[in-house]
Amino acid sequence: MTGDRRPTRHIVVMGVSGAGKTTVARGIGELTGLRFAEADEFHSEANVARMRSGVPLDDAARWPWLGELAAWMAARHAEGVSTVLTCSALKRSYRDVLRQGPPEVEFVHLAGSAELIRDRLTRRAGHYMPASLLDSQRAILEHLEPDESGVVLDVTLPPDELVAAAVTRLGLPARSAVCGR
């Protein structure tokens, strides 16, 4: 019976590459029990190759990827599973696509200075996104609008504080409450 099922929550941790999306989203997942997914794993090989070579994705390359992310969240919603997903979600129109998945999507925007993020990107190893693409991401970034459900957090905070702030400000239950322990 679907009427007995608890409502699901779907959180997208957004921001430019290097903001700490994966770290924070994983932390939210661990603290709350929400199912974690890394949006980078949904990119096509062509998109990854393009970014690896320093060419930013255009909207035509992003639409199918965003559609897959929305479909993943919708499928989890249908299963009664809450999620936390990383996704740059830089433009309102991208967030609109994500909102076409489950009934409601909330955003955690990790925001910080270009200097801090560029420093993180130059020190990051093993990721296909080069620091040279930061400026193109910042150029298209559209901050959350007042009618968009979400919070903005300053990435100068340590990761554990970002996780705690996201969970508190979104009113997410801790894992013990989720699991009934």
Protein backbone atom coordinates (compact mmCIF):
# COMPACT_ATOMS: atom_id res chain seq x y z
CA MET A 1 0.00 0.00 0.00
CA THR A 2 1.57 3.26 -1.10
CA GLY A 3 -0.39 5.28 1.48
CA ASP A 4 1.65 3.71 4.29
CA ARG A 5 4.99 4.70 2.79
CA ARG A 6 6.97 7.56 4.32
CA PRO A 7 7.52 10.51 2.00
CA THR A 8 10.92 10.62 0.32
CA ARG A 9 13.43 13.47 0.35
CA HIS A 10 15.71 14.26 -2.58
CA ILE A 11 18.70 16.50 -2.00
CA VAL A 12 21.08 17.78 -4.68
CA VAL A 13 24.41 19.11 -3.46
CA MET A 14 25.34 21.68 -6.10
CA GLY A 15 28.13 24.08 -7.01
CA VAL A 16 31.15 24.41 -9.21
CA SER A 17 33.72 21.67 -9.51
CA GLY A 18 36.01 21.64 -6.48
CA ALA A 19 33.39 23.05 -4.06
CA GLY A 20 33.27 19.77 -2.12
CA LYS A 21 30.00 18.35 -3.43
CA THR A 22 31.04 14.70 -3.18
CA THR A 23 32.46 15.02 0.33
CA VAL A 24 29.40 16.83 1.64
CA ALA A 25 26.85 14.61 -0.16
CA ARG A 26 28.55 11.45 1.09
CA GLY A 27 28.55 12.89 4.60
CA ILE A 28 24.84 13.70 4.37
CA GLY A 29 24.20 10.16 3.14
CA GLU A 30 26.19 8.61 5.97
CA LEU A 31 24.55 10.77 8.64
CA THR A 32 20.97 10.37 7.38
CA GLY A 33 20.85 7.10 5.47
CA LEU A 34 19.84 8.83 2.22
CA ARG A 35 21.06 6.89 -0.83
CA PHE A 36 24.09 8.64 -2.34
CA ALA A 37 24.87 9.02 -6.03
CA GLU A 38 27.70 10.84 -7.76
CA ALA A 39 26.44 12.65 -10.88
CA ASP A 40 29.87 12.40 -12.51
CA GLU A 41 29.28 8.64 -12.82
CA PHE A 42 26.26 9.33 -15.05
CA HIS A 43 28.29 11.28 -17.66
CA SER A 44 28.79 9.69 -21.06
CA GLU A 45 32.32 8.78 -22.12
CA ALA A 46 32.12 11.58 -24.71
CA ASN A 47 31.30 14.14 -22.01
CA VAL A 48 34.16 12.96 -19.81
CA ALA A 49 36.61 13.05 -22.74
CA ARG A 50 35.47 16.53 -23.64
CA MET A 51 35.95 17.86 -20.10
CA ARG A 52 39.25 16.03 -19.67
CA SER A 53 40.53 17.86 -22.77
CA GLY A 54 39.56 21.20 -21.22
CA VAL A 55 36.41 21.83 -23.28
CA PRO A 56 33.36 22.81 -21.20
CA LEU A 57 30.10 21.02 -21.81
CA ASP A 58 27.41 22.92 -23.64
CA ASP A 59 23.72 22.62 -22.90
CA ALA A 60 23.18 20.03 -25.65
CA ALA A 61 25.67 17.73 -23.90
CA ARG A 62 24.14 18.38 -20.48
CA TRP A 63 20.43 17.78 -21.17
CA PRO A 64 20.59 13.96 -21.52
CA TRP A 65 22.82 13.73 -18.44
CA LEU A 66 20.44 15.87 -16.36
CA GLY A 67 17.52 13.78 -17.61
CA GLU A 68 19.26 10.61 -16.40
CA LEU A 69 19.80 12.15 -12.97
CA ALA A 70 16.14 13.18 -12.72
CA ALA A 71 15.09 9.67 -13.80
CA TRP A 72 17.38 8.10 -11.18
CA MET A 73 15.82 10.20 -8.42
CA ALA A 74 12.30 9.45 -9.73
CA ALA A 75 13.04 5.72 -9.71
CA ARG A 76 14.30 5.90 -6.12
CA HIS A 77 11.19 7.90 -5.17
CA ALA A 78 9.01 5.17 -6.69
CA GLU A 79 10.88 2.67 -4.49
CA GLY A 80 10.29 4.84 -1.40
CA VAL A 81 14.00 5.65 -1.10
CA SER A 82 15.32 9.12 -0.26
CA THR A 83 18.44 10.34 -2.06
CA VAL A 84 21.35 12.71 -1.94
CA LEU A 85 22.98 13.45 -5.28
CA THR A 86 25.94 15.53 -6.36
CA CYS A 87 25.38 17.70 -9.43
CA SER A 88 26.81 21.04 -10.44
CA ALA A 89 23.25 22.23 -11.27
CA LEU A 90 24.74 25.57 -12.24
CA LYS A 91 21.74 27.04 -14.05
CA ARG A 92 18.12 27.37 -13.01
CA SER A 93 17.12 25.52 -16.19
CA TYR A 94 19.33 22.57 -15.13
CA ARG A 95 17.70 22.52 -11.70
CA ASP A 96 14.30 22.65 -13.42
CA VAL A 97 15.19 19.42 -15.26
CA LEU A 98 16.22 17.77 -11.98
CA ARG A 99 12.88 18.84 -10.46
CA GLN A 100 11.10 16.87 -13.20
CA GLY A 101 12.16 13.64 -11.45
CA PRO A 102 10.72 13.20 -7.95
CA PRO A 103 7.90 15.43 -6.67
CA GLU A 104 10.28 17.73 -4.79
CA VAL A 105 14.02 18.39 -4.95
CA GLU A 106 15.96 20.46 -2.41
CA PHE A 107 19.36 21.98 -3.07
CA VAL A 108 22.48 22.55 -0.99
CA HIS A 109 24.58 25.13 -2.85
CA LEU A 110 28.22 25.02 -1.80
CA ALA A 111 29.55 28.50 -2.54
CA GLY A 112 33.05 29.90 -2.22
CA SER A 113 35.58 32.25 -3.70
CA ALA A 114 37.19 31.52 -7.05
CA GLU A 115 40.62 31.59 -5.40
CA LEU A 116 39.77 28.96 -2.80
CA ILE A 117 38.08 26.65 -5.31
CA ARG A 118 40.89 27.06 -7.88
CA ASP A 119 43.41 26.13 -5.19
CA ARG A 120 41.41 22.99 -4.37
CA LEU A 121 41.18 22.04 -8.04
CA THR A 122 44.92 22.41 -8.63
CA ARG A 123 45.64 20.13 -5.65
CA ARG A 124 43.03 17.51 -6.59
CA ALA A 125 44.38 14.32 -8.13
CA GLY A 126 42.62 11.73 -10.25
CA HIS A 127 39.68 13.82 -11.46
CA TYR A 128 38.99 14.60 -15.11
CA MET A 129 37.79 18.16 -14.48
CA PRO A 130 40.74 20.54 -14.94
CA ALA A 131 41.04 23.80 -12.99
CA SER A 132 40.98 25.61 -16.35
CA LEU A 133 37.20 24.97 -16.58
CA LEU A 134 36.41 26.76 -13.31
CA ASP A 135 35.95 30.14 -15.00
CA SER A 136 33.46 28.70 -17.51
CA GLN A 137 31.47 27.17 -14.65
CA ARG A 138 31.47 30.37 -12.62
CA ALA A 139 30.38 32.32 -15.69
CA ILE A 140 27.16 30.33 -16.06
CA LEU A 141 26.40 29.85 -12.34
CA GLU A 142 22.93 31.08 -11.42
CA HIS A 143 22.42 31.20 -7.67
CA LEU A 144 19.33 29.67 -6.08
CA GLU A 145 16.32 31.93 -6.46
CA PRO A 146 13.93 32.66 -3.58
CA ASP A 147 11.33 30.22 -4.96
CA GLU A 148 13.86 27.34 -5.08
CA SER A 149 13.95 25.06 -2.05
CA GLY A 150 17.43 24.92 -0.61
CA VAL A 151 20.25 26.42 1.39
CA VAL A 152 23.55 28.10 0.56
CA LEU A 153 26.61 27.11 2.58
CA ASP A 154 30.07 28.72 2.64
CA VAL A 155 32.78 26.21 1.67
CA THR A 156 35.28 27.79 4.03
CA LEU A 157 33.61 25.68 6.74
CA PRO A 158 35.16 22.27 7.43
CA PRO A 159 33.37 19.36 5.69
CA ASP A 160 31.83 17.97 8.90
CA GLU A 161 30.36 21.39 9.70
CA LEU A 162 28.98 21.69 6.15
CA VAL A 163 27.32 18.28 6.50
CA ALA A 164 25.86 19.16 9.91
CA ALA A 165 24.63 22.54 8.65
CA ALA A 166 22.97 20.97 5.60
CA VAL A 167 21.24 18.29 7.68
CA THR A 168 20.07 20.81 10.30
CA ARG A 169 18.93 23.53 7.91
CA LEU A 170 17.03 21.06 5.71
CA GLY A 171 15.52 19.33 8.74
CA LEU A 172 16.79 15.91 7.69
CA PRO A 173 16.48 13.11 10.27
CA ALA A 174 19.67 11.49 11.55
CA ARG A 175 20.26 7.86 10.61
CA SER A 176 19.08 6.54 13.98
CA ALA A 177 15.69 8.16 13.40
CA VAL A 178 15.60 6.94 9.78
CA CYS A 179 16.40 3.35 10.75
CA GLY A 180 14.26 3.36 13.87
CA ARG A 181 17.20 2.65 16.20
